[in-house]
Amino acid sequence: MDLIRQRVRVEFEYPVHFTNGIFGSSNLLLRDLVARSADETPSRLIVVVDSGVADHHPLLLGQIEEYCQRHRTVLALAAPVLIVPGGERVKNDSHTVDETHRAIHEAGLCRHSYVVAVGGGAVLDAVGYAAATAHRGIRLIRVPTTVLAQDDSAMGVKNGINAFGKKNYLGTFAPPFAVINDARFLPTLSDRDWRAGISEAVKAALIKDRSFFDFIEEQAPALRARDLPAMEQIIKRCAALHLTHIATGGDPFELGSSRPLDFGHWAAHKLEQLTDHRLGHGEAVAIGIALDSTYSYLAGFLPEDDWRRIMTLLPALGLAVYAPELGQHLEQDDHPGSVLRGLDEFREHLGGLLTILMLRSIGAPFDVHEIRRDVMIRSIGVLRNVEQAHLTREDHHERRIPAESEGTGR
């Protein structure tokens, strides 16, 4: 039998910048990014903005238009700024993807043109999916505006939307052209969205860097008090850990079954679905981290002192470790309302053998391929008690999860 074996090596490189006032008249970062690949004619681009960002920064649209006009010899705004819904709802159908495709088409963009996405992680996911599938890929510049997007989701190579009741069922692996973290967007976040993004930093510390976990512990009062310089340090270190893993972890496009950066996410994704996204992603991740850390402890992997540090830090940051939906229908693993069903859905989404990350200590993770149902149910019971204990010591109204999410699009 004849055989031709093909091997293709492809390298990707994209910068992650940290700045203030990206669309300010004196900030040349965006202009210079586009100018690097521009020929004699201006590079054409469209800008898609999260509606929450537009609401909280009413001068932003004018600033974008003025910026493009000022630098019109290098870049050309090919269409009016497109405003799309913020928060997870933007990913629950294809409307925003369709709108972005249409804007790309009507503007006549080519593969050397740019889509600039300004918003929270959900908007970046949806607009990134559209950019990656128009002409099989138009250059995407991400401008994340939330803590969660700046320290986690904007760093990676994934884009997507939800479908069939499942998180990120439709999507692509497509690296951005560049990422621009602008700290000036952060002060307008709600307290809830400010706190929620820190959960991904805790995750990164738990699986990558014990000293970073120590630093988050030290900074917890400042972070909860909305200290911007402290948050900028957390974001920069967390972003660096994510980028290093993507570049050196050996599986940037997730061809295997192990997903270290998804620690705590099997339960988080299911909780988002079970709460109809009343829980934001960062809030659900905090609960998922607490759950898998507690399982690691009860299963005999994680020392008690480390477990107690984790369970102390999350509430200290203002993050809940339990939601009522976590404890429902546990007697039936296959019940659609059982969080335990999230294990099968996680395995299906990632492919291959069920692989869940657990902890031997803070900063020392390992994979398991089987979850003991009885230990996981015990873990859920422990979290219920831990959360109740914290609620009796703190102001209940400050830490409870509201009936309606404020969204993550600011």
Protein backbone atom coordinates (compact mmCIF):
# COMPACT_ATOMS: atom_id res chain seq x y z
CA MET A 1 0.00 0.00 0.00
CA ASP A 2 1.34 3.43 -0.94
CA LEU A 3 1.63 6.05 1.76
CA ILE A 4 2.39 9.75 1.79
CA ARG A 5 2.91 11.02 5.32
CA GLN A 6 2.42 14.75 5.71
CA ARG A 7 3.82 16.85 8.54
CA VAL A 8 3.11 20.57 8.83
CA ARG A 9 4.80 22.82 11.36
CA VAL A 10 3.10 26.14 12.06
CA GLU A 11 4.29 28.78 14.50
CA PHE A 12 2.10 31.47 15.99
CA GLU A 13 3.23 34.60 17.76
CA TYR A 14 1.04 37.31 19.23
CA PRO A 15 1.84 40.14 21.63
CA VAL A 16 -0.08 40.90 24.83
CA HIS A 17 0.19 44.58 25.70
CA PHE A 18 -0.67 46.36 28.94
CA THR A 19 -1.62 50.00 28.59
CA ASN A 20 -3.98 52.79 29.68
CA GLY A 21 -6.41 54.56 27.37
CA ILE A 22 -6.00 52.57 24.19
CA PHE A 23 -8.16 54.97 22.18
CA GLY A 24 -6.60 58.11 23.63
CA SER A 25 -5.20 60.50 21.03
CA SER A 26 -1.64 60.16 22.35
CA ASN A 27 -1.68 56.36 22.63
CA LEU A 28 -0.07 55.00 19.47
CA LEU A 29 -0.18 51.31 20.39
CA LEU A 30 -3.10 50.28 18.17
CA ARG A 31 -1.86 52.44 15.31
CA ASP A 32 1.59 50.89 15.49
CA LEU A 33 0.24 47.33 15.70
CA VAL A 34 -1.68 47.83 12.49
CA ALA A 35 1.11 49.82 10.84
CA ARG A 36 3.55 46.93 11.19
CA SER A 37 1.75 45.05 8.45
CA ALA A 38 0.31 47.93 6.46
CA ASP A 39 1.44 48.66 2.90
CA GLU A 40 0.95 51.96 1.10
CA THR A 41 -2.81 51.91 1.77
CA PRO A 42 -4.42 52.12 5.22
CA SER A 43 -5.33 48.82 6.88
CA ARG A 44 -9.09 48.41 7.08
CA LEU A 45 -10.84 47.40 10.26
CA ILE A 46 -14.17 47.13 11.99
CA VAL A 47 -14.68 47.57 15.73
CA VAL A 48 -17.21 45.55 17.74
CA VAL A 49 -18.03 46.86 21.21
CA ASP A 50 -19.77 45.18 24.15
CA SER A 51 -22.96 47.09 25.00
CA GLY A 52 -22.03 47.12 28.70
CA VAL A 53 -18.76 48.83 27.85
CA ALA A 54 -20.54 51.37 25.65
CA ASP A 55 -23.03 52.14 28.44
CA HIS A 56 -20.35 52.71 31.05
CA HIS A 57 -18.02 54.61 28.75
CA PRO A 58 -20.38 56.92 26.82
CA LEU A 59 -17.52 58.77 25.11
CA LEU A 60 -15.92 55.58 23.81
CA LEU A 61 -17.59 55.38 20.39
CA GLY A 62 -16.61 58.95 19.61
CA GLN A 63 -13.07 58.27 20.79
CA ILE A 64 -12.80 55.25 18.49
CA GLU A 65 -13.99 57.24 15.49
CA GLU A 66 -11.71 60.16 16.34
CA TYR A 67 -8.74 57.83 16.81
CA CYS A 68 -9.26 56.23 13.41
CA GLN A 69 -9.71 59.60 11.78
CA ARG A 70 -6.52 60.96 13.41
CA HIS A 71 -4.52 57.98 12.14
CA ARG A 72 -6.33 57.61 8.83
CA THR A 73 -3.07 57.26 6.87
CA VAL A 74 -2.49 53.94 8.66
CA LEU A 75 -5.93 52.58 9.48
CA ALA A 76 -9.41 53.05 8.10
CA LEU A 77 -12.63 52.38 10.03
CA ALA A 78 -14.54 50.49 7.35
CA ALA A 79 -17.97 50.57 9.03
CA PRO A 80 -19.77 52.21 11.95
CA VAL A 81 -18.87 50.72 15.32
CA LEU A 82 -21.01 47.61 15.92
CA ILE A 83 -22.61 47.34 19.38
CA VAL A 84 -23.46 43.81 20.58
CA PRO A 85 -24.97 42.48 23.82
CA GLY A 86 -22.63 41.75 26.70
CA GLY A 87 -22.52 38.85 29.12
CA GLU A 88 -23.06 35.17 28.50
CA ARG A 89 -26.29 35.76 26.61
CA VAL A 90 -24.20 36.88 23.63
CA LYS A 91 -22.99 33.28 23.31
CA ASN A 92 -26.34 31.54 23.66
CA ASP A 93 -27.30 31.92 20.01
CA SER A 94 -25.59 32.80 16.75
CA HIS A 95 -27.07 36.30 16.37
CA THR A 96 -23.89 38.21 17.24
CA VAL A 97 -21.77 35.90 15.09
CA ASP A 98 -24.16 36.48 12.19
CA GLU A 99 -24.12 40.25 12.76
CA THR A 100 -20.33 40.31 12.80
CA HIS A 101 -20.14 38.16 9.66
CA ARG A 102 -22.48 40.57 7.93
CA ALA A 103 -20.47 43.60 9.04
CA ILE A 104 -17.27 41.96 7.75
CA HIS A 105 -18.96 41.14 4.45
CA GLU A 106 -20.55 44.56 3.92
CA ALA A 107 -17.29 46.32 4.80
CA GLY A 108 -15.45 44.20 2.24
CA LEU A 109 -12.77 43.13 4.68
CA CYS A 110 -10.07 40.71 3.55
CA ARG A 111 -7.77 38.38 5.44
CA HIS A 112 -5.28 41.23 5.94
CA SER A 113 -7.97 43.38 7.55
CA TYR A 114 -8.76 43.56 11.26
CA VAL A 115 -11.64 42.92 13.61
CA VAL A 116 -11.14 44.77 16.90
CA ALA A 117 -13.27 43.27 19.67
CA VAL A 118 -13.77 45.42 22.78
CA GLY A 119 -15.55 43.78 25.69
CA GLY A 120 -15.84 41.00 28.23
CA GLY A 121 -14.81 37.42 27.61
CA ALA A 122 -18.16 36.33 26.19
CA VAL A 123 -18.09 39.05 23.54
CA LEU A 124 -14.48 38.24 22.70
CA ASP A 125 -15.41 34.56 22.30
CA ALA A 126 -18.34 35.25 19.97
CA VAL A 127 -16.67 37.95 17.88
CA GLY A 128 -13.49 35.86 17.73
CA TYR A 129 -15.51 32.95 16.36
CA ALA A 130 -16.92 35.21 13.65
CA ALA A 131 -13.48 36.59 12.77
CA ALA A 132 -11.96 33.11 12.63
CA THR A 133 -14.62 31.81 10.24
CA ALA A 134 -14.98 34.77 7.87
CA HIS A 135 -12.65 34.13 4.93
CA ARG A 136 -11.32 31.27 7.15
CA GLY A 137 -9.68 33.87 9.34
CA ILE A 138 -9.46 37.64 9.64
CA ARG A 139 -6.93 39.22 12.00
CA LEU A 140 -8.44 39.62 15.46
CA ILE A 141 -7.31 42.22 18.00
CA ARG A 142 -8.80 41.57 21.43
CA VAL A 143 -9.34 44.47 23.83
CA PRO A 144 -10.64 42.75 26.99
CA THR A 145 -12.43 44.99 29.46
CA THR A 146 -13.07 42.75 32.49
CA VAL A 147 -10.75 41.17 35.03
CA LEU A 148 -11.82 37.72 33.86
CA ALA A 149 -11.04 38.51 30.23
CA GLN A 150 -7.77 40.32 30.94
CA ASP A 151 -6.29 37.60 33.15
CA ASP A 152 -7.67 34.53 31.39
CA SER A 153 -9.98 34.24 28.41
CA ALA A 154 -8.35 36.82 26.13
CA MET A 155 -4.96 35.15 26.56
CA GLY A 156 -5.78 31.89 24.79
CA VAL A 157 -6.43 30.60 21.30
CA LYS A 158 -10.06 29.57 21.71
CA ASN A 159 -13.21 31.21 20.35
CA GLY A 160 -16.77 29.97 20.47
CA ILE A 161 -20.42 30.12 21.39
CA ASN A 162 -22.81 27.84 23.26
CA ALA A 163 -25.19 25.43 21.53
CA PHE A 164 -27.49 22.53 22.45
CA GLY A 165 -27.35 23.67 26.08
CA LYS A 166 -23.59 23.07 26.19
CA LYS A 167 -20.79 25.52 26.89
CA ASN A 168 -18.60 26.44 23.89
CA TYR A 169 -20.06 23.66 21.73
CA LEU A 170 -19.32 25.59 18.53
CA GLY A 171 -15.94 27.22 18.11
CA THR A 172 -12.44 27.38 16.72
CA PHE A 173 -8.83 27.37 17.78
CA ALA A 174 -7.45 30.57 16.26
CA PRO A 175 -4.79 32.75 17.92
CA PRO A 176 -5.45 36.49 17.96
CA PHE A 177 -3.28 38.93 16.08
CA ALA A 178 -2.76 40.82 19.35
CA VAL A 179 -4.26 41.40 22.81
CA ILE A 180 -4.41 44.83 24.44
CA ASN A 181 -5.20 44.97 28.17
CA ASP A 182 -6.36 48.46 29.08
CA ALA A 183 -6.59 49.03 32.84
CA ARG A 184 -8.84 52.08 32.40
CA PHE A 185 -11.81 49.84 31.72
CA LEU A 186 -11.61 48.10 35.11
CA PRO A 187 -12.81 50.81 37.54
CA THR A 188 -16.32 50.81 36.02
CA LEU A 189 -16.86 47.11 36.71
CA SER A 190 -19.46 46.16 39.28
CA ASP A 191 -18.12 44.76 42.56
CA ARG A 192 -19.42 41.39 41.48
CA ASP A 193 -17.57 41.36 38.17
CA TRP A 194 -14.42 42.77 39.78
CA ARG A 195 -14.30 39.86 42.25
CA ALA A 196 -15.36 37.13 39.85
CA GLY A 197 -12.33 37.53 37.62
CA ILE A 198 -9.95 36.80 40.48
CA SER A 199 -11.10 33.17 40.53
CA GLU A 200 -9.07 32.42 37.41
CA ALA A 201 -5.98 33.88 39.08
CA VAL A 202 -6.56 31.59 42.06
CA LYS A 203 -6.88 28.68 39.63
CA ALA A 204 -3.62 29.56 37.89
CA ALA A 205 -1.83 29.84 41.22
CA LEU A 206 -3.17 26.49 42.45
CA ILE A 207 -1.95 24.61 39.40
CA LYS A 208 1.16 26.59 38.50
CA ASP A 209 2.71 28.76 41.20
CA ARG A 210 2.49 28.42 44.98
CA SER A 211 4.26 31.75 45.47
CA PHE A 212 1.56 33.44 43.39
CA PHE A 213 -1.05 31.88 45.68
CA ASP A 214 0.84 33.38 48.65
CA PHE A 215 0.76 36.77 46.91
CA ILE A 216 -2.99 36.58 46.29
CA GLU A 217 -3.51 35.77 49.97
CA GLU A 218 -1.47 38.82 50.95
CA GLN A 219 -3.34 41.05 48.53
CA ALA A 220 -6.85 39.74 49.29
CA PRO A 221 -7.93 42.75 51.42
CA ALA A 222 -6.64 45.19 48.80
CA LEU A 223 -8.26 43.25 45.97
CA ARG A 224 -11.61 43.15 47.71
CA ALA A 225 -11.28 46.89 48.39
CA ARG A 226 -10.84 47.47 44.61
CA ASP A 227 -7.20 48.52 44.71
CA LEU A 228 -6.36 48.96 41.02
CA PRO A 229 -2.55 48.63 41.23
CA ALA A 230 -2.98 45.36 43.17
CA MET A 231 -5.40 44.09 40.55
CA GLU A 232 -3.05 45.04 37.72
CA GLN A 233 -0.31 42.94 39.34
CA ILE A 234 -2.66 39.97 39.68
CA ILE A 235 -3.83 40.28 36.07
CA LYS A 236 -0.31 40.54 34.66
CA ARG A 237 1.00 37.51 36.57
CA CYS A 238 -2.07 35.41 35.80
CA ALA A 239 -1.92 36.32 32.12
CA ALA A 240 1.77 35.37 32.02
CA LEU A 241 1.05 31.96 33.58
CA HIS A 242 -1.68 31.26 31.03
CA LEU A 243 0.50 32.33 28.12
CA THR A 244 3.44 30.25 29.31
CA HIS A 245 1.28 27.18 29.61
CA ILE A 246 -0.21 27.65 26.14
CA ALA A 247 3.25 28.13 24.64
CA THR A 248 5.12 25.40 26.53
CA GLY A 249 2.48 22.94 27.72
CA GLY A 250 2.78 20.88 24.56
CA ASP A 251 -0.91 20.95 23.59
CA PRO A 252 -2.03 24.49 22.62
CA PHE A 253 -4.87 23.22 20.44
CA GLU A 254 -6.02 20.61 22.97
CA LEU A 255 -5.53 17.44 20.95
CA GLY A 256 -5.05 15.36 24.10
CA SER A 257 -7.40 14.76 27.03
CA SER A 258 -5.64 16.70 29.79
CA ARG A 259 -6.62 20.35 30.34
CA PRO A 260 -4.70 21.82 33.29
CA LEU A 261 -6.15 25.29 32.69
CA ASP A 262 -9.63 23.83 33.15
CA PHE A 263 -9.14 23.03 36.83
CA GLY A 264 -12.54 23.39 38.49
CA HIS A 265 -14.27 23.93 35.16
CA TRP A 266 -16.20 20.68 34.74
CA ALA A 267 -18.53 21.72 37.57
CA ALA A 268 -18.35 25.41 36.66
CA HIS A 269 -19.64 24.87 33.14
CA LYS A 270 -22.50 22.73 34.43
CA LEU A 271 -23.40 25.25 37.14
CA GLU A 272 -23.59 28.04 34.59
CA GLN A 273 -26.09 25.95 32.67
CA LEU A 274 -28.07 24.84 35.75
CA THR A 275 -28.42 28.42 37.00
CA ASP A 276 -29.40 29.69 33.54
CA HIS A 277 -26.23 31.83 33.82
CA ARG A 278 -27.38 33.49 37.03
CA LEU A 279 -23.88 32.49 38.07
CA GLY A 280 -21.26 34.22 35.98
CA HIS A 281 -18.32 32.20 34.69
CA GLY A 282 -15.88 33.47 37.31
CA GLU A 283 -18.33 32.81 40.12
CA ALA A 284 -18.94 29.29 38.87
CA VAL A 285 -15.20 28.69 38.53
CA ALA A 286 -14.69 29.70 42.18
CA ILE A 287 -17.24 27.06 43.24
CA GLY A 288 -15.67 24.51 40.90
CA ILE A 289 -12.24 25.20 42.39
CA ALA A 290 -13.65 24.79 45.89
CA LEU A 291 -15.32 21.52 44.89
CA ASP A 292 -12.29 19.89 43.30
CA SER A 293 -10.02 21.12 46.09
CA THR A 294 -12.38 19.61 48.64
CA TYR A 295 -12.52 16.35 46.70
CA SER A 296 -8.71 16.33 46.59
CA TYR A 297 -8.67 16.75 50.37
CA LEU A 298 -11.33 14.14 51.19
CA ALA A 299 -9.78 11.64 48.77
CA GLY A 300 -6.51 11.91 50.66
CA PHE A 301 -4.51 13.77 48.02
CA LEU A 302 -4.39 17.33 49.39
CA PRO A 303 -3.08 18.15 52.90
CA GLU A 304 -5.67 19.67 55.22
CA ASP A 305 -3.63 22.85 55.78
CA ASP A 306 -3.55 23.56 52.03
CA TRP A 307 -7.27 22.84 51.72
CA ARG A 308 -8.06 25.23 54.56
CA ARG A 309 -5.99 27.97 52.94
CA ILE A 310 -7.98 27.59 49.71
CA MET A 311 -11.31 27.58 51.53
CA THR A 312 -10.29 30.69 53.46
CA LEU A 313 -8.98 32.63 50.47
CA LEU A 314 -12.03 32.30 48.21
CA PRO A 315 -14.48 33.86 50.71
CA ALA A 316 -11.83 36.44 51.66
CA LEU A 317 -11.96 37.57 48.01
CA GLY A 318 -15.75 37.78 48.21
CA LEU A 319 -16.33 34.57 46.24
CA ALA A 320 -18.97 32.02 47.18
CA VAL A 321 -17.98 28.35 47.42
CA TYR A 322 -21.49 26.90 47.11
CA ALA A 323 -24.71 27.39 45.15
CA PRO A 324 -27.97 25.52 45.84
CA GLU A 325 -27.92 23.95 42.37
CA LEU A 326 -24.76 22.10 43.36
CA GLY A 327 -26.70 19.87 45.74
CA GLN A 328 -29.71 19.01 43.57
CA HIS A 329 -30.52 15.57 42.07
CA LEU A 330 -27.32 13.97 43.30
CA GLU A 331 -29.07 10.61 43.60
CA GLN A 332 -29.29 10.46 39.80
CA ASP A 333 -26.00 11.02 37.96
CA ASP A 334 -27.76 11.23 34.61
CA HIS A 335 -30.48 13.65 35.71
CA PRO A 336 -30.20 16.79 33.55
CA GLY A 337 -30.32 18.86 36.73
CA SER A 338 -27.46 17.03 38.44
CA VAL A 339 -24.06 18.68 38.53
CA LEU A 340 -22.53 15.18 38.31
CA ARG A 341 -23.75 15.00 34.74
CA GLY A 342 -21.18 17.66 34.05
CA LEU A 343 -18.45 15.01 34.24
CA ASP A 344 -19.73 13.23 31.13
CA GLU A 345 -20.34 16.50 29.33
CA PHE A 346 -16.81 17.64 30.17
CA ARG A 347 -15.34 14.39 28.86
CA GLU A 348 -17.39 14.68 25.67
CA HIS A 349 -16.32 18.29 25.13
CA LEU A 350 -12.63 17.57 25.65
CA GLY A 351 -12.62 14.16 24.00
CA GLY A 352 -10.87 10.94 24.92
CA LEU A 353 -10.59 9.61 28.46
CA LEU A 354 -12.20 11.45 31.37
CA THR A 355 -9.37 13.56 32.76
CA ILE A 356 -9.93 15.77 35.80
CA LEU A 357 -7.18 17.76 37.47
CA MET A 358 -6.78 17.37 41.24
CA LEU A 359 -4.25 18.74 43.73
CA ARG A 360 -1.49 17.08 45.75
CA SER A 361 -0.59 20.46 47.20
CA ILE A 362 -0.92 24.10 46.23
CA GLY A 363 1.01 24.38 42.97
CA ALA A 364 1.22 20.60 42.43
CA PRO A 365 -1.65 19.22 40.32
CA PHE A 366 -2.13 15.77 38.81
CA ASP A 367 -4.70 14.05 36.60
CA VAL A 368 -7.28 11.48 37.67
CA HIS A 369 -9.41 9.45 35.28
CA GLU A 370 -12.12 8.32 37.66
CA ILE A 371 -14.25 10.25 40.14
CA ARG A 372 -15.69 8.51 43.18
CA ARG A 373 -19.33 9.53 43.33
CA ASP A 374 -19.59 9.12 47.11
CA VAL A 375 -16.56 11.34 47.75
CA MET A 376 -17.83 14.00 45.35
CA ILE A 377 -21.23 14.05 47.08
CA ARG A 378 -19.49 14.36 50.46
CA SER A 379 -17.47 17.23 49.03
CA ILE A 380 -20.64 19.04 48.03
CA GLY A 381 -21.98 18.61 51.56
CA VAL A 382 -18.79 20.04 53.03
CA LEU A 383 -19.03 23.08 50.75
CA ARG A 384 -22.61 23.67 51.85
CA ASN A 385 -21.44 23.76 55.48
CA VAL A 386 -18.43 25.95 54.72
CA GLU A 387 -20.54 28.49 52.86
CA GLN A 388 -23.11 28.60 55.63
CA ALA A 389 -20.39 29.15 58.21
CA HIS A 390 -19.01 32.08 56.25
CA LEU A 391 -22.45 33.58 55.73
CA THR A 392 -23.13 33.57 59.46
CA ARG A 393 -19.90 35.52 60.06
CA GLU A 394 -20.25 38.07 57.29
CA ASP A 395 -22.90 40.38 55.94
CA HIS A 396 -25.23 38.06 54.02
CA HIS A 397 -26.38 40.77 51.64
CA GLU A 398 -22.83 41.64 50.61
CA ARG A 399 -21.91 38.11 49.56
CA ARG A 400 -25.09 36.51 48.34
CA ILE A 401 -25.54 35.90 44.62
CA PRO A 402 -28.35 38.10 43.27
CA ALA A 403 -31.30 36.59 41.44
CA GLU A 404 -30.16 38.19 38.21
CA SER A 405 -26.55 38.43 37.02
CA GLU A 406 -25.22 41.90 36.32
CA GLY A 407 -23.32 40.35 33.44
CA THR A 408 -19.64 40.39 32.61
CA GLY A 409 -19.61 42.75 29.67
CA ARG A 410 -18.34 45.98 31.17
